Amino acid sequence: MNEAEPSQDPDGANDGIRDITRTLKSISADMVRLVVVETRLFGHTVLAMIGLTVVIALLLVGVWVFTGAALVMALASLQAFNLTGALLTVALGHLVLAGLAFWRLRHITRDLTFRESRASVNSLLNHARSQVDATGQPPQGQ
């Protein structure tokens, strides 16, 4: 009865370790391939989105230009405006719209100053200073 139990067999233990190592290598290789495939898909999707955005922007600019031209023609046909007056009226309207858009953009960018966060940090600093002053010890940085 010199037969060794399977748990004590060094070759059996090495086979189990090799199987685990092979499995881990296989899983790691699959994960790397998956990341590469998903990265390529992401890149293709981003490029498609950028391309479609450019196409949409060009189409919208074209619509804007042709709508302005149609408005000029409509104003010129009313006999109330000559062609130059109609062009200037439409240009002034576009300038007013651009001014409103610029005003709105300036209004929106106020949120990027992080007023609440700065106020919270200032409050925290003031509280820390008052705690240091209350103990009567100077801060260690000085």
N, C-alpha and C. Protein backbone atom coordinates (compact mmCIF):
# COMPACT_ATOMS: atom_id res chain seq x y z
N MET A 1 0.82 -1.17 0.00
CA MET A 1 0.00 0.00 0.00
C MET A 1 0.87 1.24 0.00
N ASN A 2 1.71 1.31 -0.96
CA ASN A 2 2.56 2.47 -1.11
C ASN A 2 1.95 3.50 -2.06
N GLU A 3 0.79 3.26 -2.50
CA GLU A 3 0.17 4.21 -3.42
C GLU A 3 -0.11 5.51 -2.69
N ALA A 4 0.30 6.60 -3.33
CA ALA A 4 0.07 7.92 -2.73
C ALA A 4 -1.33 8.38 -3.05
N GLU A 5 -1.87 9.11 -2.14
CA GLU A 5 -3.20 9.67 -2.40
C GLU A 5 -3.09 10.75 -3.46
N PRO A 6 -4.16 11.00 -4.21
CA PRO A 6 -4.10 12.01 -5.27
C PRO A 6 -3.76 13.39 -4.75
N SER A 7 -4.12 13.72 -3.53
CA SER A 7 -3.82 15.05 -3.01
C SER A 7 -2.34 15.20 -2.68
N GLN A 8 -1.66 14.09 -2.48
CA GLN A 8 -0.25 14.15 -2.15
C GLN A 8 0.64 13.93 -3.36
N ASP A 9 0.05 13.64 -4.50
CA ASP A 9 0.81 13.37 -5.72
C ASP A 9 1.38 14.68 -6.25
N PRO A 10 2.71 14.83 -6.32
CA PRO A 10 3.28 16.08 -6.80
C PRO A 10 2.95 16.33 -8.26
N ASP A 11 2.87 15.29 -9.08
CA ASP A 11 2.52 15.49 -10.49
C ASP A 11 1.08 15.94 -10.65
N GLY A 12 0.19 15.43 -9.83
CA GLY A 12 -1.21 15.84 -9.88
C GLY A 12 -1.38 17.29 -9.46
N ALA A 13 -0.62 17.72 -8.45
CA ALA A 13 -0.69 19.11 -8.00
C ALA A 13 -0.15 20.03 -9.08
N ASN A 14 0.95 19.59 -9.73
CA ASN A 14 1.50 20.41 -10.81
C ASN A 14 0.54 20.50 -11.98
N ASP A 15 -0.17 19.43 -12.28
CA ASP A 15 -1.15 19.47 -13.37
C ASP A 15 -2.28 20.44 -13.05
N GLY A 16 -2.71 20.44 -11.79
CA GLY A 16 -3.77 21.36 -11.38
C GLY A 16 -3.31 22.81 -11.49
N ILE A 17 -2.07 23.07 -11.08
CA ILE A 17 -1.53 24.43 -11.17
C ILE A 17 -1.38 24.84 -12.62
N ARG A 18 -0.92 23.90 -13.47
CA ARG A 18 -0.80 24.20 -14.90
C ARG A 18 -2.16 24.51 -15.52
N ASP A 19 -3.17 23.72 -15.12
CA ASP A 19 -4.52 23.97 -15.64
C ASP A 19 -5.02 25.35 -15.22
N ILE A 20 -4.79 25.70 -13.97
CA ILE A 20 -5.22 27.02 -13.49
C ILE A 20 -4.46 28.12 -14.22
N THR A 21 -3.15 27.93 -14.40
CA THR A 21 -2.34 28.92 -15.10
C THR A 21 -2.80 29.07 -16.55
N ARG A 22 -3.06 27.93 -17.21
CA ARG A 22 -3.55 27.98 -18.60
C ARG A 22 -4.90 28.70 -18.68
N THR A 23 -5.76 28.41 -17.72
CA THR A 23 -7.08 29.04 -17.70
C THR A 23 -6.95 30.55 -17.48
N LEU A 24 -6.09 30.95 -16.56
CA LEU A 24 -5.89 32.37 -16.31
C LEU A 24 -5.30 33.08 -17.53
N LYS A 25 -4.35 32.43 -18.20
CA LYS A 25 -3.77 33.01 -19.41
C LYS A 25 -4.83 33.14 -20.50
N SER A 26 -5.66 32.14 -20.63
CA SER A 26 -6.71 32.17 -21.65
C SER A 26 -7.72 33.28 -21.36
N ILE A 27 -8.10 33.41 -20.09
CA ILE A 27 -9.05 34.46 -19.72
C ILE A 27 -8.43 35.84 -19.94
N SER A 28 -7.15 35.98 -19.57
CA SER A 28 -6.48 37.27 -19.76
C SER A 28 -6.39 37.62 -21.24
N ALA A 29 -6.05 36.63 -22.08
CA ALA A 29 -5.97 36.89 -23.52
C ALA A 29 -7.33 37.27 -24.08
N ASP A 30 -8.38 36.58 -23.61
CA ASP A 30 -9.73 36.94 -24.07
C ASP A 30 -10.10 38.35 -23.64
N MET A 31 -9.74 38.73 -22.43
CA MET A 31 -10.05 40.08 -21.94
C MET A 31 -9.32 41.13 -22.77
N VAL A 32 -8.05 40.87 -23.10
CA VAL A 32 -7.28 41.82 -23.90
C VAL A 32 -7.90 41.95 -25.29
N ARG A 33 -8.27 40.81 -25.89
CA ARG A 33 -8.92 40.86 -27.22
C ARG A 33 -10.23 41.64 -27.15
N LEU A 34 -10.99 41.43 -26.09
CA LEU A 34 -12.26 42.14 -25.93
C LEU A 34 -12.03 43.65 -25.81
N VAL A 35 -11.03 44.04 -25.03
CA VAL A 35 -10.73 45.47 -24.88
C VAL A 35 -10.31 46.07 -26.22
N VAL A 36 -9.51 45.34 -26.99
CA VAL A 36 -9.07 45.83 -28.29
C VAL A 36 -10.26 45.99 -29.24
N VAL A 37 -11.14 45.01 -29.26
CA VAL A 37 -12.31 45.08 -30.14
C VAL A 37 -13.22 46.24 -29.72
N GLU A 38 -13.44 46.39 -28.42
CA GLU A 38 -14.31 47.48 -27.96
C GLU A 38 -13.67 48.85 -28.21
N THR A 39 -12.35 48.94 -28.11
CA THR A 39 -11.67 50.20 -28.40
C THR A 39 -11.82 50.56 -29.86
N ARG A 40 -11.65 49.58 -30.74
CA ARG A 40 -11.87 49.84 -32.17
C ARG A 40 -13.29 50.28 -32.45
N LEU A 41 -14.25 49.59 -31.84
CA LEU A 41 -15.66 49.96 -32.03
C LEU A 41 -15.91 51.38 -31.54
N PHE A 42 -15.33 51.73 -30.40
CA PHE A 42 -15.48 53.07 -29.87
C PHE A 42 -14.90 54.10 -30.84
N GLY A 43 -13.70 53.81 -31.36
CA GLY A 43 -13.07 54.73 -32.31
C GLY A 43 -13.90 54.93 -33.56
N HIS A 44 -14.42 53.82 -34.12
CA HIS A 44 -15.25 53.93 -35.32
C HIS A 44 -16.53 54.71 -35.03
N THR A 45 -17.11 54.48 -33.86
CA THR A 45 -18.34 55.18 -33.50
C THR A 45 -18.08 56.67 -33.33
N VAL A 46 -16.99 57.02 -32.67
CA VAL A 46 -16.66 58.44 -32.47
C VAL A 46 -16.42 59.12 -33.82
N LEU A 47 -15.69 58.46 -34.70
CA LEU A 47 -15.45 59.04 -36.03
C LEU A 47 -16.75 59.22 -36.80
N ALA A 48 -17.63 58.24 -36.73
CA ALA A 48 -18.92 58.36 -37.41
C ALA A 48 -19.74 59.51 -36.83
N MET A 49 -19.71 59.65 -35.51
CA MET A 49 -20.46 60.74 -34.87
C MET A 49 -19.90 62.10 -35.28
N ILE A 50 -18.58 62.22 -35.33
CA ILE A 50 -17.97 63.50 -35.74
C ILE A 50 -18.32 63.80 -37.18
N GLY A 51 -18.23 62.80 -38.05
CA GLY A 51 -18.58 63.01 -39.45
C GLY A 51 -20.02 63.41 -39.63
N LEU A 52 -20.92 62.73 -38.95
CA LEU A 52 -22.34 63.08 -39.06
C LEU A 52 -22.63 64.46 -38.47
N THR A 53 -21.92 64.83 -37.43
CA THR A 53 -22.09 66.17 -36.85
C THR A 53 -21.67 67.24 -37.84
N VAL A 54 -20.58 67.01 -38.54
CA VAL A 54 -20.13 67.98 -39.55
C VAL A 54 -21.16 68.08 -40.68
N VAL A 55 -21.68 66.95 -41.13
CA VAL A 55 -22.68 66.96 -42.19
C VAL A 55 -23.94 67.71 -41.73
N ILE A 56 -24.40 67.43 -40.52
CA ILE A 56 -25.59 68.12 -40.00
C ILE A 56 -25.33 69.62 -39.88
N ALA A 57 -24.14 69.99 -39.41
CA ALA A 57 -23.82 71.42 -39.29
C ALA A 57 -23.83 72.10 -40.65
N LEU A 58 -23.26 71.45 -41.66
CA LEU A 58 -23.26 72.04 -43.01
C LEU A 58 -24.68 72.17 -43.55
N LEU A 59 -25.50 71.16 -43.32
CA LEU A 59 -26.89 71.24 -43.77
C LEU A 59 -27.65 72.36 -43.06
N LEU A 60 -27.41 72.51 -41.77
CA LEU A 60 -28.08 73.59 -41.04
C LEU A 60 -27.63 74.97 -41.51
N VAL A 61 -26.34 75.11 -41.82
CA VAL A 61 -25.85 76.38 -42.35
C VAL A 61 -26.50 76.66 -43.71
N GLY A 62 -26.60 75.63 -44.53
CA GLY A 62 -27.26 75.79 -45.82
C GLY A 62 -28.72 76.22 -45.67
N VAL A 63 -29.41 75.59 -44.74
CA VAL A 63 -30.81 75.96 -44.48
C VAL A 63 -30.89 77.41 -44.01
N TRP A 64 -29.97 77.81 -43.14
CA TRP A 64 -29.96 79.18 -42.63
C TRP A 64 -29.74 80.18 -43.76
N VAL A 65 -28.79 79.89 -44.63
CA VAL A 65 -28.49 80.80 -45.74
C VAL A 65 -29.67 80.90 -46.70
N PHE A 66 -30.24 79.76 -47.06
CA PHE A 66 -31.34 79.79 -48.02
C PHE A 66 -32.61 80.38 -47.41
N THR A 67 -32.81 80.20 -46.10
CA THR A 67 -33.95 80.85 -45.45
C THR A 67 -33.77 82.36 -45.45
N GLY A 68 -32.55 82.80 -45.18
CA GLY A 68 -32.27 84.24 -45.24
C GLY A 68 -32.47 84.79 -46.64
N ALA A 69 -32.04 84.05 -47.66
CA ALA A 69 -32.22 84.49 -49.04
C ALA A 69 -33.70 84.54 -49.40
N ALA A 70 -34.46 83.54 -48.96
CA ALA A 70 -35.90 83.54 -49.24
C ALA A 70 -36.58 84.70 -48.53
N LEU A 71 -36.15 85.02 -47.33
CA LEU A 71 -36.72 86.15 -46.60
C LEU A 71 -36.40 87.46 -47.30
N VAL A 72 -35.17 87.58 -47.82
CA VAL A 72 -34.80 88.79 -48.58
C VAL A 72 -35.68 88.91 -49.80
N MET A 73 -35.87 87.82 -50.51
CA MET A 73 -36.71 87.86 -51.72
C MET A 73 -38.16 88.22 -51.38
N ALA A 74 -38.65 87.67 -50.27
CA ALA A 74 -40.02 87.98 -49.87
C ALA A 74 -40.16 89.45 -49.50
N LEU A 75 -39.18 89.99 -48.77
CA LEU A 75 -39.25 91.40 -48.40
C LEU A 75 -39.11 92.31 -49.63
N ALA A 76 -38.25 91.92 -50.57
CA ALA A 76 -38.06 92.73 -51.76
C ALA A 76 -39.30 92.72 -52.64
N SER A 77 -40.05 91.63 -52.62
CA SER A 77 -41.25 91.56 -53.46
C SER A 77 -42.43 92.32 -52.85
N LEU A 78 -42.32 92.75 -51.60
CA LEU A 78 -43.41 93.48 -50.96
C LEU A 78 -43.49 94.94 -51.42
N GLN A 79 -42.53 95.38 -52.14
CA GLN A 79 -42.45 96.75 -52.62
C GLN A 79 -42.22 97.76 -51.49
N ALA A 80 -42.16 97.27 -50.23
CA ALA A 80 -41.87 98.16 -49.12
C ALA A 80 -40.36 98.33 -48.97
N PHE A 81 -39.61 97.39 -49.45
CA PHE A 81 -38.14 97.41 -49.38
C PHE A 81 -37.58 97.25 -50.77
N ASN A 82 -36.50 97.94 -51.02
CA ASN A 82 -35.75 97.59 -52.22
C ASN A 82 -34.83 96.43 -51.85
N LEU A 83 -34.05 95.92 -52.78
CA LEU A 83 -33.22 94.74 -52.51
C LEU A 83 -32.17 95.03 -51.43
N THR A 84 -31.58 96.21 -51.48
CA THR A 84 -30.57 96.56 -50.49
C THR A 84 -31.18 96.67 -49.10
N GLY A 85 -32.33 97.28 -49.00
CA GLY A 85 -33.02 97.41 -47.71
C GLY A 85 -33.42 96.05 -47.15
N ALA A 86 -33.87 95.16 -48.03
CA ALA A 86 -34.25 93.82 -47.58
C ALA A 86 -33.02 93.06 -47.07
N LEU A 87 -31.90 93.17 -47.79
CA LEU A 87 -30.67 92.51 -47.34
C LEU A 87 -30.21 93.06 -46.00
N LEU A 88 -30.25 94.38 -45.84
CA LEU A 88 -29.84 94.98 -44.58
C LEU A 88 -30.77 94.60 -43.43
N THR A 89 -32.06 94.50 -43.70
CA THR A 89 -33.02 94.11 -42.68
C THR A 89 -32.77 92.69 -42.20
N VAL A 90 -32.55 91.78 -43.14
CA VAL A 90 -32.28 90.38 -42.77
C VAL A 90 -30.94 90.29 -42.04
N ALA A 91 -29.93 91.03 -42.49
CA ALA A 91 -28.63 91.02 -41.82
C ALA A 91 -28.76 91.55 -40.39
N LEU A 92 -29.57 92.60 -40.21
CA LEU A 92 -29.79 93.15 -38.87
C LEU A 92 -30.51 92.12 -37.99
N GLY A 93 -31.47 91.43 -38.55
CA GLY A 93 -32.16 90.37 -37.79
C GLY A 93 -31.20 89.28 -37.36
N HIS A 94 -30.30 88.89 -38.28
CA HIS A 94 -29.31 87.87 -37.92
C HIS A 94 -28.36 88.39 -36.85
N LEU A 95 -28.01 89.65 -36.93
CA LEU A 95 -27.13 90.25 -35.92
C LEU A 95 -27.80 90.27 -34.55
N VAL A 96 -29.09 90.56 -34.52
CA VAL A 96 -29.83 90.55 -33.25
C VAL A 96 -29.88 89.14 -32.68
N LEU A 97 -30.14 88.14 -33.55
CA LEU A 97 -30.17 86.76 -33.09
C LEU A 97 -28.79 86.33 -32.55
N ALA A 98 -27.72 86.74 -33.23
CA ALA A 98 -26.37 86.41 -32.76
C ALA A 98 -26.09 87.08 -31.42
N GLY A 99 -26.55 88.31 -31.25
CA GLY A 99 -26.38 89.00 -29.98
C GLY A 99 -27.12 88.30 -28.86
N LEU A 100 -28.35 87.85 -29.12
CA LEU A 100 -29.11 87.11 -28.11
C LEU A 100 -28.42 85.79 -27.76
N ALA A 101 -27.90 85.11 -28.77
CA ALA A 101 -27.20 83.85 -28.51
C ALA A 101 -25.94 84.10 -27.69
N PHE A 102 -25.21 85.17 -27.99
CA PHE A 102 -24.01 85.51 -27.24
C PHE A 102 -24.36 85.86 -25.80
N TRP A 103 -25.43 86.62 -25.61
CA TRP A 103 -25.87 86.97 -24.26
C TRP A 103 -26.22 85.70 -23.47
N ARG A 104 -26.93 84.78 -24.12
CA ARG A 104 -27.30 83.53 -23.45
C ARG A 104 -26.06 82.70 -23.10
N LEU A 105 -25.10 82.68 -24.00
CA LEU A 105 -23.85 81.95 -23.75
C LEU A 105 -23.11 82.54 -22.56
N ARG A 106 -23.05 83.85 -22.48
CA ARG A 106 -22.40 84.50 -21.33
C ARG A 106 -23.14 84.17 -20.04
N HIS A 107 -24.47 84.12 -20.12
CA HIS A 107 -25.28 83.80 -18.95
C HIS A 107 -25.03 82.35 -18.51
N ILE A 108 -24.91 81.43 -19.45
CA ILE A 108 -24.68 80.02 -19.13
C ILE A 108 -23.30 79.82 -18.51
N THR A 109 -22.30 80.55 -18.99
CA THR A 109 -20.93 80.33 -18.50
C THR A 109 -20.74 80.79 -17.07
N ARG A 110 -21.69 81.50 -16.51
CA ARG A 110 -21.59 81.88 -15.10
C ARG A 110 -21.59 80.65 -14.21
N ASP A 111 -22.24 79.57 -14.67
CA ASP A 111 -22.27 78.34 -13.88
C ASP A 111 -20.91 77.66 -13.83
N LEU A 112 -20.00 78.04 -14.69
CA LEU A 112 -18.69 77.40 -14.73
C LEU A 112 -17.71 78.02 -13.74
N THR A 113 -18.15 79.00 -12.98
CA THR A 113 -17.26 79.62 -12.00
C THR A 113 -17.27 78.88 -10.66
N PHE A 114 -18.15 77.91 -10.49
CA PHE A 114 -18.21 77.06 -9.30
C PHE A 114 -18.33 77.90 -8.03
N ARG A 115 -19.29 78.81 -8.03
CA ARG A 115 -19.46 79.71 -6.88
C ARG A 115 -19.74 78.96 -5.59
N GLU A 116 -20.61 77.95 -5.64
CA GLU A 116 -20.96 77.22 -4.42
C GLU A 116 -19.77 76.44 -3.88
N SER A 117 -18.99 75.84 -4.76
CA SER A 117 -17.82 75.08 -4.32
C SER A 117 -16.78 76.01 -3.69
N ARG A 118 -16.54 77.16 -4.32
CA ARG A 118 -15.59 78.11 -3.75
C ARG A 118 -16.08 78.62 -2.41
N ALA A 119 -17.38 78.88 -2.28
CA ALA A 119 -17.92 79.36 -1.01
C ALA A 119 -17.77 78.28 0.06
N SER A 120 -17.98 77.03 -0.30
CA SER A 120 -17.84 75.94 0.66
C SER A 120 -16.39 75.80 1.12
N VAL A 121 -15.45 75.88 0.19
CA VAL A 121 -14.04 75.79 0.54
C VAL A 121 -13.63 76.97 1.41
N ASN A 122 -14.08 78.18 1.06
CA ASN A 122 -13.77 79.36 1.88
C ASN A 122 -14.34 79.22 3.28
N SER A 123 -15.55 78.68 3.39
CA SER A 123 -16.16 78.47 4.70
C SER A 123 -15.34 77.47 5.51
N LEU A 124 -14.89 76.41 4.85
CA LEU A 124 -14.07 75.41 5.53
C LEU A 124 -12.74 76.02 6.00
N LEU A 125 -12.11 76.83 5.16
CA LEU A 125 -10.86 77.48 5.54
C LEU A 125 -11.06 78.45 6.69
N ASN A 126 -12.14 79.22 6.64
CA ASN A 126 -12.43 80.16 7.72
C ASN A 126 -12.67 79.42 9.03
N HIS A 127 -13.37 78.31 8.94
CA HIS A 127 -13.62 77.51 10.15
C HIS A 127 -12.31 76.96 10.70
N ALA A 128 -11.42 76.48 9.83
CA ALA A 128 -10.12 75.96 10.28
C ALA A 128 -9.30 77.08 10.91
N ARG A 129 -9.33 78.27 10.31
CA ARG A 129 -8.57 79.40 10.88
C ARG A 129 -9.12 79.78 12.25
N SER A 130 -10.44 79.76 12.38
CA SER A 130 -11.03 80.13 13.67
C SER A 130 -10.68 79.08 14.73
N GLN A 131 -10.58 77.82 14.35
CA GLN A 131 -10.20 76.79 15.30
C GLN A 131 -8.75 76.97 15.74
N VAL A 132 -7.87 77.32 14.79
CA VAL A 132 -6.47 77.55 15.13
C VAL A 132 -6.34 78.78 16.00
N ASP A 133 -7.08 79.84 15.69
CA ASP A 133 -7.02 81.06 16.50
C ASP A 133 -7.57 80.82 17.90
N ALA A 134 -8.56 79.95 18.02
CA ALA A 134 -9.17 79.68 19.33
C ALA A 134 -8.19 78.95 20.23
N THR A 135 -7.33 78.11 19.67
CA THR A 135 -6.36 77.40 20.50
C THR A 135 -5.16 78.25 20.84
N GLY A 136 -4.98 79.34 20.12
CA GLY A 136 -3.89 80.26 20.38
C GLY A 136 -2.55 79.80 19.86
N GLN A 137 -2.53 78.78 19.04
CA GLN A 137 -1.28 78.29 18.49
C GLN A 137 -1.18 78.67 17.03
N PRO A 138 0.00 79.06 16.62
CA PRO A 138 0.15 79.38 15.18
C PRO A 138 0.13 78.08 14.38
N PRO A 139 -0.28 78.18 13.11
CA PRO A 139 -0.27 76.99 12.27
C PRO A 139 1.14 76.45 12.11
N GLN A 140 1.29 75.15 11.91
CA GLN A 140 2.60 74.52 11.83
C GLN A 140 3.36 74.89 10.58
N GLY A 141 2.72 75.38 9.56
CA GLY A 141 3.38 75.75 8.32
C GLY A 141 4.21 77.00 8.46
N GLN A 142 4.09 77.76 9.54
CA GLN A 142 4.81 79.04 9.67
C GLN A 142 5.98 78.89 10.58
